[in-house]
Protein backbone atom coordinates (compact mmCIF):
# COMPACT_ATOMS: atom_id res chain seq x y z
CA MET A 1 18.89 8.16 5.35
CA LYS A 2 17.53 5.28 7.19
CA LYS A 3 14.32 7.31 8.00
CA ASN A 4 13.65 8.02 4.55
CA TRP A 5 14.06 4.26 3.67
CA VAL A 6 11.63 3.48 6.45
CA LEU A 7 9.13 6.05 5.30
CA PHE A 8 9.40 4.86 1.61
CA PHE A 9 8.52 1.21 2.71
CA ILE A 10 5.76 2.30 4.78
CA LEU A 11 4.31 4.20 1.96
CA LEU A 12 4.94 1.42 -0.50
CA PHE A 13 3.33 -1.12 2.12
CA VAL A 14 0.19 1.29 2.59
CA SER A 15 -0.24 1.62 -1.14
CA PHE A 16 -0.11 -2.15 -1.69
CA ILE A 17 -2.58 -2.73 0.87
CA TRP A 18 -5.00 -0.07 -0.54
CA GLY A 19 -4.51 -1.68 -4.07
CA VAL A 20 -5.65 -5.13 -2.57
CA VAL A 21 -8.55 -3.53 -0.78
CA TYR A 22 -9.58 -1.62 -4.02
CA TRP A 23 -9.16 -4.78 -6.13
CA LEU A 24 -11.48 -6.80 -3.76
CA VAL A 25 -14.16 -4.10 -3.81
CA ILE A 26 -14.18 -4.18 -7.52
CA ALA A 27 -14.08 -7.89 -7.74
CA LYS A 28 -17.09 -8.13 -5.37
CA SER A 29 -19.26 -5.57 -7.52
């Protein structure tokens, strides 16, 4: 169960980072 929570948190964090990067790219163009 703990492993699933860690995996979920990592996926959430990665998706958040990609969202920020994507937003920065859109804002610059």
